[in-house]
């Protein structure tokens, strides 16, 4: 389902202490916002399972560098551990990216893509995308499926 996610993640109750910064960039290569969220203190780590691998994506001292490009249908988050090592790249397929009250946001759609530092790639929530397509809930779901089939994403 469509869900609006803000770069500052103020609704994220797991994070009890944070540092946040953002910048608007207009260069030849990128137009949009970049944000950096440092999770200084969390209630508990967040561990995700990909196949037989467990990956910690949030813990004390972790950082999320997020890209919200204007006019694109994706947002990229690079997740770093407390030592500054990349844990994963997380690509949200979005209806759009925008700004509200000075804070960038994305309207997250059904499909997500994870790339691990090893080069492994995982497609997440494909079943939700297919279900939305079959039930006619989303024109965008059809565009995403067609893009995946033609490898344009």
C-alpha atoms as a PDB file:
ATOM      1  CA  UNK A   1       0.000   0.000   0.000  1.00  0.00           C
ATOM      2  CA  UNK A   2       1.024   3.587  -0.523  1.00  0.00           C
ATOM      3  CA  UNK A   3       2.723   5.039   2.537  1.00  0.00           C
ATOM      4  CA  UNK A   4       4.305   8.484   2.928  1.00  0.00           C
ATOM      5  CA  UNK A   5       7.722   8.305   4.587  1.00  0.00           C
ATOM      6  CA  UNK A   6       9.599  11.411   5.737  1.00  0.00           C
ATOM      7  CA  UNK A   7      13.370  11.763   5.689  1.00  0.00           C
ATOM      8  CA  UNK A   8      13.584  12.735   9.360  1.00  0.00           C
ATOM      9  CA  UNK A   9      11.592   9.635  10.445  1.00  0.00           C
ATOM     10  CA  UNK A  10      10.175  11.450  13.496  1.00  0.00           C
ATOM     11  CA  UNK A  11       7.412   8.835  13.758  1.00  0.00           C
ATOM     12  CA  UNK A  12       9.953   6.047  14.276  1.00  0.00           C
ATOM     13  CA  UNK A  13       9.513   5.131  17.955  1.00  0.00           C
ATOM     14  CA  UNK A  14      12.382   2.615  17.912  1.00  0.00           C
ATOM     15  CA  UNK A  15      14.844   5.530  17.740  1.00  0.00           C
ATOM     16  CA  UNK A  16      14.988   7.319  21.099  1.00  0.00           C
ATOM     17  CA  UNK A  17      17.857   9.696  20.295  1.00  0.00           C
ATOM     18  CA  UNK A  18      18.810  10.878  16.815  1.00  0.00           C
ATOM     19  CA  UNK A  19      20.821  13.409  14.877  1.00  0.00           C
ATOM     20  CA  UNK A  20      19.450  14.625  11.563  1.00  0.00           C
ATOM     21  CA  UNK A  21      20.679  16.809   8.725  1.00  0.00           C
ATOM     22  CA  UNK A  22      19.433  17.495   5.218  1.00  0.00           C
ATOM     23  CA  UNK A  23      20.527  19.389   2.143  1.00  0.00           C
ATOM     24  CA  UNK A  24      18.926  20.395  -1.129  1.00  0.00           C
ATOM     25  CA  UNK A  25      21.194  19.684  -4.098  1.00  0.00           C
ATOM     26  CA  UNK A  26      20.975  20.887  -7.665  1.00  0.00           C
ATOM     27  CA  UNK A  27      23.785  19.481  -9.757  1.00  0.00           C
ATOM     28  CA  UNK A  28      24.011  18.013 -13.240  1.00  0.00           C
ATOM     29  CA  UNK A  29      23.856  14.505 -11.756  1.00  0.00           C
ATOM     30  CA  UNK A  30      21.300  14.990  -8.963  1.00  0.00           C
ATOM     31  CA  UNK A  31      18.388  17.305  -8.212  1.00  0.00           C
ATOM     32  CA  UNK A  32      16.585  16.765  -4.933  1.00  0.00           C
ATOM     33  CA  UNK A  33      17.221  16.290  -1.247  1.00  0.00           C
ATOM     34  CA  UNK A  34      19.728  14.207   0.651  1.00  0.00           C
ATOM     35  CA  UNK A  35      19.223  13.451   4.325  1.00  0.00           C
ATOM     36  CA  UNK A  36      21.401  11.868   6.998  1.00  0.00           C
ATOM     37  CA  UNK A  37      19.802  10.223  10.004  1.00  0.00           C
ATOM     38  CA  UNK A  38      22.076   8.980  12.785  1.00  0.00           C
ATOM     39  CA  UNK A  39      20.435   6.663  15.281  1.00  0.00           C
ATOM     40  CA  UNK A  40      22.364   7.664  18.401  1.00  0.00           C
ATOM     41  CA  UNK A  41      20.234   5.472  20.683  1.00  0.00           C
ATOM     42  CA  UNK A  42      17.602   2.856  19.825  1.00  0.00           C
ATOM     43  CA  UNK A  43      15.220   0.827  22.015  1.00  0.00           C
ATOM     44  CA  UNK A  44      16.353  -2.354  20.275  1.00  0.00           C
ATOM     45  CA  UNK A  45      18.262  -3.256  17.112  1.00  0.00           C
ATOM     46  CA  UNK A  46      16.334  -3.954  13.911  1.00  0.00           C
ATOM     47  CA  UNK A  47      17.440  -7.172  12.243  1.00  0.00           C
ATOM     48  CA  UNK A  48      16.176  -8.182   8.808  1.00  0.00           C
ATOM     49  CA  UNK A  49      16.302 -11.613   7.200  1.00  0.00           C
ATOM     50  CA  UNK A  50      17.315 -12.061   3.550  1.00  0.00           C
ATOM     51  CA  UNK A  51      17.341 -15.725   2.644  1.00  0.00           C
ATOM     52  CA  UNK A  52      19.469 -17.382   5.326  1.00  0.00           C
ATOM     53  CA  UNK A  53      21.238 -14.119   6.265  1.00  0.00           C
ATOM     54  CA  UNK A  54      20.361 -11.911   9.207  1.00  0.00           C
ATOM     55  CA  UNK A  55      21.375  -8.279   8.697  1.00  0.00           C
ATOM     56  CA  UNK A  56      21.220  -5.616  11.399  1.00  0.00           C
ATOM     57  CA  UNK A  57      20.018  -2.414   9.716  1.00  0.00           C
ATOM     58  CA  UNK A  58      19.417  -0.223  12.795  1.00  0.00           C
ATOM     59  CA  UNK A  59      21.310  -0.056  16.061  1.00  0.00           C
ATOM     60  CA  UNK A  60      23.043   2.538  18.201  1.00  0.00           C
ATOM     61  CA  UNK A  61      25.313   4.710  16.040  1.00  0.00           C
ATOM     62  CA  UNK A  62      23.969   3.531  12.666  1.00  0.00           C
ATOM     63  CA  UNK A  63      23.421   6.092   9.874  1.00  0.00           C
ATOM     64  CA  UNK A  64      20.986   6.241   6.979  1.00  0.00           C
ATOM     65  CA  UNK A  65      21.929   8.423   4.011  1.00  0.00           C
ATOM     66  CA  UNK A  66      18.749   8.954   1.977  1.00  0.00           C
ATOM     67  CA  UNK A  67      18.347  10.363  -1.532  1.00  0.00           C
ATOM     68  CA  UNK A  68      15.045  11.902  -2.609  1.00  0.00           C
ATOM     69  CA  UNK A  69      15.513  12.780  -6.308  1.00  0.00           C
ATOM     70  CA  UNK A  70      12.914  15.114  -7.808  1.00  0.00           C
ATOM     71  CA  UNK A  71      10.937  13.795 -10.769  1.00  0.00           C
ATOM     72  CA  UNK A  72      11.972  10.172 -10.167  1.00  0.00           C
ATOM     73  CA  UNK A  73      10.045   7.146  -8.947  1.00  0.00           C
ATOM     74  CA  UNK A  74      12.590   5.869  -6.464  1.00  0.00           C
ATOM     75  CA  UNK A  75      14.415   6.793  -3.288  1.00  0.00           C
ATOM     76  CA  UNK A  76      17.735   5.256  -2.248  1.00  0.00           C
ATOM     77  CA  UNK A  77      18.892   4.726   1.328  1.00  0.00           C
ATOM     78  CA  UNK A  78      22.470   3.718   2.073  1.00  0.00           C
ATOM     79  CA  UNK A  79      22.617   2.166   5.534  1.00  0.00           C
ATOM     80  CA  UNK A  80      25.867   2.301   7.515  1.00  0.00           C
ATOM     81  CA  UNK A  81      26.773   0.490  10.726  1.00  0.00           C
ATOM     82  CA  UNK A  82      28.393   2.186  13.727  1.00  0.00           C
ATOM     83  CA  UNK A  83      31.851   1.688  12.135  1.00  0.00           C
ATOM     84  CA  UNK A  84      30.823   3.477   8.920  1.00  0.00           C
ATOM     85  CA  UNK A  85      30.663   0.268   6.873  1.00  0.00           C
ATOM     86  CA  UNK A  86      27.824  -0.101   4.375  1.00  0.00           C
ATOM     87  CA  UNK A  87      25.220  -2.607   5.553  1.00  0.00           C
ATOM     88  CA  UNK A  88      22.943  -2.363   2.508  1.00  0.00           C
ATOM     89  CA  UNK A  89      21.439  -0.130  -0.142  1.00  0.00           C
ATOM     90  CA  UNK A  90      17.646   0.001   0.045  1.00  0.00           C
ATOM     91  CA  UNK A  91      15.736   1.241  -2.989  1.00  0.00           C
ATOM     92  CA  UNK A  92      12.106   2.215  -2.487  1.00  0.00           C
ATOM     93  CA  UNK A  93       9.976   2.350  -5.621  1.00  0.00           C
ATOM     94  CA  UNK A  94       7.856   5.484  -5.151  1.00  0.00           C
ATOM     95  CA  UNK A  95       4.891   7.204  -6.677  1.00  0.00           C
ATOM     96  CA  UNK A  96       6.765  10.466  -6.144  1.00  0.00           C
ATOM     97  CA  UNK A  97       9.179  12.346  -3.895  1.00  0.00           C
ATOM     98  CA  UNK A  98       8.392  15.768  -2.491  1.00  0.00           C
ATOM     99  CA  UNK A  99       8.839  18.226   0.370  1.00  0.00           C
ATOM    100  CA  UNK A 100       6.433  19.242   3.144  1.00  0.00           C
ATOM    101  CA  UNK A 101       7.253  21.882   5.749  1.00  0.00           C
ATOM    102  CA  UNK A 102      10.856  21.748   4.542  1.00  0.00           C
ATOM    103  CA  UNK A 103      11.215  17.971   5.079  1.00  0.00           C
ATOM    104  CA  UNK A 104      11.606  15.608   2.094  1.00  0.00           C
ATOM    105  CA  UNK A 105       9.249  12.654   1.738  1.00  0.00           C
ATOM    106  CA  UNK A 106       8.495   9.738  -0.544  1.00  0.00           C
ATOM    107  CA  UNK A 107       5.193   8.070  -1.344  1.00  0.00           C
ATOM    108  CA  UNK A 108       6.397   4.482  -1.055  1.00  0.00           C
ATOM    109  CA  UNK A 109       4.736   1.934  -3.320  1.00  0.00           C
ATOM    110  CA  UNK A 110       4.788  -1.836  -3.221  1.00  0.00           C
ATOM    111  CA  UNK A 111       8.187  -2.953  -4.410  1.00  0.00           C
ATOM    112  CA  UNK A 112      11.552  -2.535  -2.707  1.00  0.00           C
ATOM    113  CA  UNK A 113      15.002  -3.620  -3.833  1.00  0.00           C
ATOM    114  CA  UNK A 114      17.880  -4.426  -1.478  1.00  0.00           C
ATOM    115  CA  UNK A 115      21.492  -4.620  -2.601  1.00  0.00           C
ATOM    116  CA  UNK A 116      24.040  -6.039  -0.167  1.00  0.00           C
ATOM    117  CA  UNK A 117      27.750  -5.123  -0.255  1.00  0.00           C
ATOM    118  CA  UNK A 118      28.394  -8.665  -1.563  1.00  0.00           C
ATOM    119  CA  UNK A 119      26.393  -7.764  -4.690  1.00  0.00           C
ATOM    120  CA  UNK A 120      23.403  -9.926  -3.792  1.00  0.00           C
ATOM    121  CA  UNK A 121      20.073  -8.400  -4.834  1.00  0.00           C
ATOM    122  CA  UNK A 122      16.711  -9.040  -3.200  1.00  0.00           C
ATOM    123  CA  UNK A 123      13.299  -7.950  -4.490  1.00  0.00           C
ATOM    124  CA  UNK A 124      10.888  -7.407  -1.606  1.00  0.00           C
ATOM    125  CA  UNK A 125       7.095  -7.324  -1.536  1.00  0.00           C
ATOM    126  CA  UNK A 126       6.664  -8.674  -5.067  1.00  0.00           C
ATOM    127  CA  UNK A 127       3.538 -10.483  -3.877  1.00  0.00           C
ATOM    128  CA  UNK A 128       1.922  -7.179  -2.775  1.00  0.00           C
ATOM    129  CA  UNK A 129       2.734  -5.622  -6.154  1.00  0.00           C
ATOM    130  CA  UNK A 130       1.245  -8.561  -8.038  1.00  0.00           C
ATOM    131  CA  UNK A 131      -1.861  -8.525  -5.821  1.00  0.00           C
ATOM    132  CA  UNK A 132      -2.368  -4.789  -6.411  1.00  0.00           C
ATOM    133  CA  UNK A 133      -2.006  -5.323 -10.141  1.00  0.00           C
ATOM    134  CA  UNK A 134      -4.513  -8.208 -10.201  1.00  0.00           C
ATOM    135  CA  UNK A 135      -7.057  -6.287  -8.139  1.00  0.00           C
ATOM    136  CA  UNK A 136      -6.665  -3.156 -10.271  1.00  0.00           C
ATOM    137  CA  UNK A 137      -5.683  -1.042  -7.264  1.00  0.00           C
ATOM    138  CA  UNK A 138      -2.813   0.751  -8.900  1.00  0.00           C
ATOM    139  CA  UNK A 139      -1.950   1.965 -12.356  1.00  0.00           C
ATOM    140  CA  UNK A 140       1.565   2.497 -11.005  1.00  0.00           C
ATOM    141  CA  UNK A 141       1.793  -1.216 -10.071  1.00  0.00           C
ATOM    142  CA  UNK A 142       1.227  -2.044 -13.748  1.00  0.00           C
ATOM    143  CA  UNK A 143       3.943   0.429 -14.767  1.00  0.00           C
ATOM    144  CA  UNK A 144       6.342  -1.106 -12.241  1.00  0.00           C
ATOM    145  CA  UNK A 145       5.632  -4.663 -13.403  1.00  0.00           C
ATOM    146  CA  UNK A 146       6.131  -3.644 -17.024  1.00  0.00           C
ATOM    147  CA  UNK A 147       9.349  -1.828 -16.134  1.00  0.00           C
ATOM    148  CA  UNK A 148      10.681  -4.889 -14.302  1.00  0.00           C
ATOM    149  CA  UNK A 149       9.783  -7.155 -17.190  1.00  0.00           C
ATOM    150  CA  UNK A 150      11.578  -4.881 -19.638  1.00  0.00           C
ATOM    151  CA  UNK A 151      14.428  -4.242 -17.121  1.00  0.00           C
ATOM    152  CA  UNK A 152      14.023  -0.469 -17.372  1.00  0.00           C
ATOM    153  CA  UNK A 153      14.031   0.028 -13.602  1.00  0.00           C
END
